[in-house]
Protein backbone atom coordinates (compact mmCIF):
# COMPACT_ATOMS: atom_id res chain seq x y z
CA MET A 1 -0.17 -0.11 -0.08
CA HIS A 2 1.32 3.49 -1.20
CA VAL A 3 0.24 6.47 1.78
CA ILE A 4 0.71 9.49 -0.08
CA PRO A 5 0.18 13.05 1.26
CA ILE A 6 -2.05 15.33 -0.26
CA TYR A 7 -2.70 18.64 -0.64
CA GLN A 8 -5.26 20.96 -2.08
CA VAL A 9 -4.38 24.59 -3.04
CA ASP A 10 -6.76 27.18 -4.66
CA ALA A 11 -3.87 28.83 -6.71
CA PHE A 12 -3.94 32.50 -8.35
CA ALA A 13 -6.42 33.45 -5.52
CA SER A 14 -6.19 35.49 -2.19
CA ARG A 15 -9.39 33.57 -0.73
CA LEU A 16 -11.07 30.12 -0.71
CA PHE A 17 -13.36 28.96 -3.61
CA ALA A 18 -11.34 31.46 -5.91
CA GLY A 19 -8.59 31.03 -8.61
CA ASN A 20 -7.76 27.48 -9.66
CA PRO A 21 -7.42 24.23 -7.54
CA ALA A 22 -5.02 22.02 -7.77
CA ALA A 23 -3.80 18.73 -5.86
CA VAL A 24 -0.25 18.27 -4.79
CA MET A 25 0.80 15.13 -3.82
CA LEU A 26 4.36 14.29 -2.68
CA MET A 27 6.28 10.86 -3.03
CA ASP A 28 9.71 9.28 -3.01
CA ARG A 29 9.38 8.19 -6.48
CA PHE A 30 6.68 8.37 -9.30
CA LEU A 31 4.63 5.78 -9.39
CA ASP A 32 3.60 3.71 -13.03
CA ASP A 33 2.21 6.46 -15.43
CA SER A 34 -1.09 4.67 -15.49
CA LEU A 35 -1.65 4.86 -11.56
CA LEU A 36 -0.85 8.45 -11.81
CA GLN A 37 -3.60 8.68 -14.40
CA ASN A 38 -5.97 7.07 -12.37
CA ILE A 39 -4.76 9.16 -9.22
CA ALA A 40 -5.45 12.50 -11.38
CA ALA A 41 -8.72 11.16 -12.80
CA GLU A 42 -10.12 10.21 -9.09
CA ASN A 43 -9.10 13.57 -7.64
CA ASN A 44 -11.01 15.37 -10.97
CA LEU A 45 -9.49 18.36 -10.42
CA ALA A 46 -7.93 20.75 -13.51
CA GLU A 47 -4.65 19.32 -12.54
CA THR A 48 -2.86 16.99 -10.16
CA ALA A 49 0.84 17.75 -9.74
CA PHE A 50 3.35 14.70 -8.47
CA LEU A 51 6.64 15.88 -6.36
CA VAL A 52 9.54 13.85 -6.07
CA PRO A 53 12.51 15.28 -3.73
CA ASP A 54 15.73 15.35 -5.64
CA GLY A 55 18.44 17.02 -3.67
CA ASP A 56 17.96 20.54 -2.85
CA ARG A 57 14.97 20.57 -6.04
CA TYR A 58 12.12 18.78 -6.85
CA ARG A 59 11.43 16.74 -9.66
CA LEU A 60 7.58 17.69 -10.98
CA ARG A 61 4.76 16.30 -13.69
CA TRP A 62 1.37 17.67 -14.11
CA PHE A 63 -1.97 15.50 -14.85
CA THR A 64 -5.09 16.39 -16.21
CA PRO A 65 -8.17 13.85 -15.31
CA THR A 66 -7.35 12.67 -18.99
CA THR A 67 -3.89 13.09 -19.79
CA GLU A 68 -0.23 14.40 -18.86
CA VAL A 69 0.56 17.85 -19.65
CA PRO A 70 4.10 19.25 -20.35
CA LEU A 71 3.66 22.73 -18.32
CA CYS A 72 0.65 24.07 -16.00
CA GLY A 73 1.35 27.11 -14.05
CA HIS A 74 -1.32 26.87 -11.26
CA ALA A 75 -0.14 23.70 -10.29
CA THR A 76 3.44 24.76 -9.95
CA LEU A 77 2.19 27.82 -8.04
CA ALA A 78 0.40 25.47 -5.71
CA SER A 79 3.58 23.16 -5.56
CA ALA A 80 5.75 25.92 -4.32
CA ALA A 81 2.90 27.17 -1.63
CA VAL A 82 3.34 23.05 -0.75
CA VAL A 83 7.39 23.10 -0.43
CA MET A 84 7.59 26.76 1.24
CA GLU A 85 4.50 26.28 3.57
CA ARG A 86 4.31 22.97 4.60
CA LEU A 87 7.62 20.81 3.58
CA GLU A 88 10.26 23.44 4.02
CA PRO A 89 8.59 26.46 6.21
CA GLY A 90 11.00 29.51 5.79
CA ARG A 91 12.62 28.68 2.15
CA VAL A 92 12.14 31.40 -0.06
CA GLU A 93 12.81 29.80 -3.48
CA VAL A 94 12.65 26.33 -5.26
CA VAL A 95 13.68 24.94 -8.58
CA PHE A 96 11.55 22.06 -10.11
CA GLU A 97 12.94 19.99 -12.70
CA SER A 98 10.18 19.55 -15.50
CA ALA A 99 9.32 18.54 -18.79
CA SER A 100 9.89 22.21 -19.47
CA GLY A 101 12.94 22.14 -17.71
CA PRO A 102 14.04 23.67 -14.86
CA LEU A 103 11.14 26.15 -13.63
CA THR A 104 12.21 28.27 -10.39
CA VAL A 105 9.47 29.79 -7.91
CA ARG A 106 10.53 32.45 -5.39
CA ARG A 107 8.37 33.79 -2.39
CA THR A 108 7.68 37.34 -1.69
CA GLN A 109 5.81 38.20 1.27
CA ALA A 110 2.35 36.62 0.52
CA ARG A 111 2.51 35.57 -3.26
CA TYR A 112 4.74 33.32 -5.35
CA VAL A 113 6.52 34.41 -8.57
CA MET A 114 7.24 31.59 -11.12
CA ASN A 115 9.64 32.01 -14.03
CA PHE A 116 8.82 30.38 -17.05
CA PRO A 117 9.22 29.93 -20.87
CA SER A 118 7.54 32.51 -23.14
CA ARG A 119 5.75 30.50 -25.82
CA GLN A 120 5.73 31.68 -29.52
CA PHE A 121 2.84 32.35 -31.54
CA VAL A 122 2.30 33.29 -35.05
CA ALA A 123 -0.68 34.74 -36.97
CA ALA A 124 -2.92 31.69 -38.00
CA THR A 125 -5.95 30.89 -40.28
CA PRO A 126 -9.19 30.62 -37.94
CA PRO A 127 -10.33 26.85 -37.65
CA ARG A 128 -13.43 26.04 -38.94
CA ASP A 129 -16.71 27.45 -37.59
CA LEU A 130 -14.52 29.24 -34.55
CA ALA A 131 -16.70 32.45 -34.51
CA GLU A 132 -20.01 29.83 -34.40
CA ALA A 133 -18.25 27.79 -31.76
CA LEU A 134 -17.58 31.50 -29.75
CA GLY A 135 -20.50 33.09 -30.39
CA ALA A 136 -18.29 36.04 -31.24
CA VAL A 137 -15.80 36.69 -34.35
CA PRO A 138 -12.24 37.45 -33.27
CA VAL A 139 -10.32 40.60 -34.58
CA GLU A 140 -7.35 38.35 -34.51
CA VAL A 141 -6.45 34.72 -34.82
CA LEU A 142 -2.88 33.25 -33.62
CA ALA A 143 -1.73 30.31 -32.40
CA ASP A 144 1.24 28.38 -30.98
CA ALA A 145 2.55 24.94 -30.47
CA PHE A 146 -0.58 24.09 -27.93
CA ASN A 147 -3.40 26.40 -28.29
CA TYR A 148 -5.43 28.69 -30.83
CA ILE A 149 -5.79 32.24 -29.40
CA ALA A 150 -8.96 34.29 -30.28
CA VAL A 151 -8.44 38.23 -29.87
CA LEU A 152 -12.11 39.34 -29.29
CA LYS A 153 -12.85 43.40 -29.30
CA ASP A 154 -13.23 43.76 -25.55
CA ALA A 155 -13.33 42.44 -22.10
CA GLN A 156 -17.33 42.43 -21.82
CA THR A 157 -17.25 39.77 -25.06
CA VAL A 158 -14.78 37.69 -23.12
CA ARG A 159 -16.88 37.91 -20.02
CA ALA A 160 -20.10 36.86 -21.88
CA LEU A 161 -19.21 33.99 -23.88
CA SER A 162 -20.80 30.83 -23.63
CA PRO A 163 -19.37 28.63 -26.11
CA ASP A 164 -20.19 25.23 -27.95
CA ILE A 165 -17.47 23.03 -25.89
CA ALA A 166 -17.87 20.29 -28.32
CA ALA A 167 -16.96 22.24 -31.13
CA ILE A 168 -13.96 23.14 -29.53
CA ALA A 169 -13.02 19.84 -28.81
CA ARG A 170 -12.89 18.97 -32.31
CA MET A 171 -10.17 21.54 -33.29
CA ASP A 172 -6.93 20.76 -34.13
CA ARG A 173 -5.25 22.39 -31.02
CA ALA A 174 -5.31 21.07 -27.40
CA GLY A 175 -6.63 24.20 -26.13
CA LEU A 176 -8.34 27.67 -27.23
CA VAL A 177 -7.46 30.93 -25.16
CA VAL A 178 -9.74 33.64 -25.80
CA THR A 179 -8.45 37.59 -24.61
CA ALA A 180 -9.06 41.06 -25.17
CA PRO A 181 -8.03 44.38 -23.49
CA GLY A 182 -8.82 44.62 -19.91
CA ASP A 183 -11.36 46.68 -18.27
CA ALA A 184 -10.25 48.35 -15.59
CA PRO A 185 -7.99 47.63 -13.27
CA TYR A 186 -6.57 44.92 -15.49
CA ASP A 187 -4.33 45.42 -18.85
CA PHE A 188 -6.08 42.49 -20.43
CA VAL A 189 -8.47 39.62 -19.78
CA SER A 190 -8.87 36.20 -21.27
CA ARG A 191 -10.51 32.74 -20.76
CA TYR A 192 -9.31 29.05 -21.40
CA PHE A 193 -11.34 26.18 -22.72
CA ALA A 194 -9.50 22.84 -23.00
CA PRO A 195 -12.05 19.81 -23.84
CA ALA A 196 -9.69 17.63 -25.37
CA LYS A 197 -7.49 17.71 -22.09
CA GLY A 198 -10.62 17.02 -19.73
CA ILE A 199 -10.93 20.67 -18.77
CA PRO A 200 -13.96 22.21 -20.23
CA GLU A 201 -12.93 25.76 -18.78
CA ASP A 202 -9.85 26.02 -17.03
CA PRO A 203 -10.04 28.83 -14.31
CA VAL A 204 -7.11 30.13 -13.89
CA THR A 205 -4.27 29.15 -16.70
CA GLY A 206 -0.51 29.88 -16.22
CA GLY A 207 0.38 28.07 -19.46
CA ALA A 208 -1.64 30.29 -21.65
CA HIS A 209 -0.20 33.55 -20.02
CA CYS A 210 3.26 32.45 -21.17
CA ALA A 211 1.79 33.08 -24.64
CA LEU A 212 -0.32 35.95 -23.75
CA THR A 213 2.40 38.01 -21.70
CA PRO A 214 4.45 38.49 -24.77
CA TYR A 215 1.31 39.25 -27.17
CA TRP A 216 -0.08 41.92 -24.62
CA ALA A 217 3.57 43.36 -23.56
CA ALA A 218 4.03 44.40 -27.51
CA ARG A 219 0.68 45.43 -28.11
CA LEU A 220 0.74 47.95 -24.96
CA ASN A 221 4.34 48.78 -24.96
CA LYS A 222 4.98 47.70 -21.27
CA THR A 223 6.50 44.25 -19.66
CA THR A 224 4.65 44.52 -16.59
CA LEU A 225 0.89 43.77 -16.76
CA PHE A 226 -2.05 42.74 -14.37
CA ALA A 227 -4.20 40.24 -15.88
CA PHE A 228 -7.79 38.81 -15.42
CA GLN A 229 -8.98 34.97 -15.95
CA ALA A 230 -12.43 35.59 -16.07
CA SER A 231 -13.91 32.02 -15.48
CA ARG A 232 -16.75 31.59 -12.93
CA ARG A 233 -13.96 31.24 -10.15
CA GLY A 234 -11.76 33.86 -11.49
CA GLY A 235 -8.35 34.83 -10.87
CA GLU A 236 -5.60 37.62 -10.98
CA LEU A 237 -1.96 37.37 -12.07
CA VAL A 238 0.61 39.86 -12.54
CA CYS A 239 2.61 39.25 -15.37
CA ARG A 240 6.44 40.09 -16.44
CA LEU A 241 8.12 39.59 -19.65
CA VAL A 242 11.91 39.40 -18.23
CA ASP A 243 14.90 38.47 -20.52
CA GLY A 244 12.68 36.56 -22.98
CA ARG A 245 11.01 34.66 -20.15
CA VAL A 246 7.81 34.85 -18.43
CA GLU A 247 7.03 35.77 -14.68
CA LEU A 248 3.77 35.18 -13.43
CA GLU A 249 2.91 36.16 -9.65
CA GLY A 250 0.15 35.28 -7.61
CA ALA A 251 -1.17 33.95 -4.11
CA CYS A 252 -2.42 30.72 -2.88
CA VAL A 253 -4.72 29.63 -0.07
CA PHE A 254 -4.64 26.06 1.17
CA TYR A 255 -8.34 24.05 1.47
CA LEU A 256 -7.55 20.48 2.39
CA GLU A 257 -4.60 18.72 3.61
CA GLY A 258 -4.55 14.58 3.92
CA LYS A 259 -3.46 11.18 3.03
CA VAL A 260 -4.36 8.81 0.39
CA ALA A 261 -3.96 5.47 0.77
CA ILE A 262 -3.43 3.35 -2.53
């Protein structure tokens, strides 16, 4: 039997029941991939992060309920909170070894700052029936290796979307980011739909902001931006473009702590 500590943390949140919940599970080694996937499906959160100590660093993997992913922002933020508030109180920086390379997270008072690779995007031909799926006509469509990015005219249009999730699932990218210039006090707003990964709508998405940050930095001519992901739960991020990489800053709130016996 494996007895595994589990923490459930609301990431990119300053209060409970906001931001994006992630499970963080500490192991002495990674179990079989099929078992990790079953655990993530049982947790039934957008992401489950699996942590394995490795010297003064940690190895980190992320699973949605249906698949392993190469990068997850909110579950990395949650993992940093677990390390620095529960496993090693007083620690102010941690490096996670991951499929996306080493990811550094540092603590600043009540928040955490992640340093992530930026994502390159290009202008793209809109997927068939994109406007019908969204119920809105994009003013611009971009793509990176993971997602389409649909730029809409204003924040209210983004907030009011009620898209056809089944149609989005048929697109030839794993997810669809929708964004627009922000309404005060935000520089930009966004939403993220990834039904192909078992996530109809993700509450707050760090990975999407790895592309959104350089996009809006170029258009707004500023390198520090205040962003809001306008899901039902909602979440705030401070985004910075630093030396060609992206810093994402947010707070975390612990919801649950326990053990899983498998």
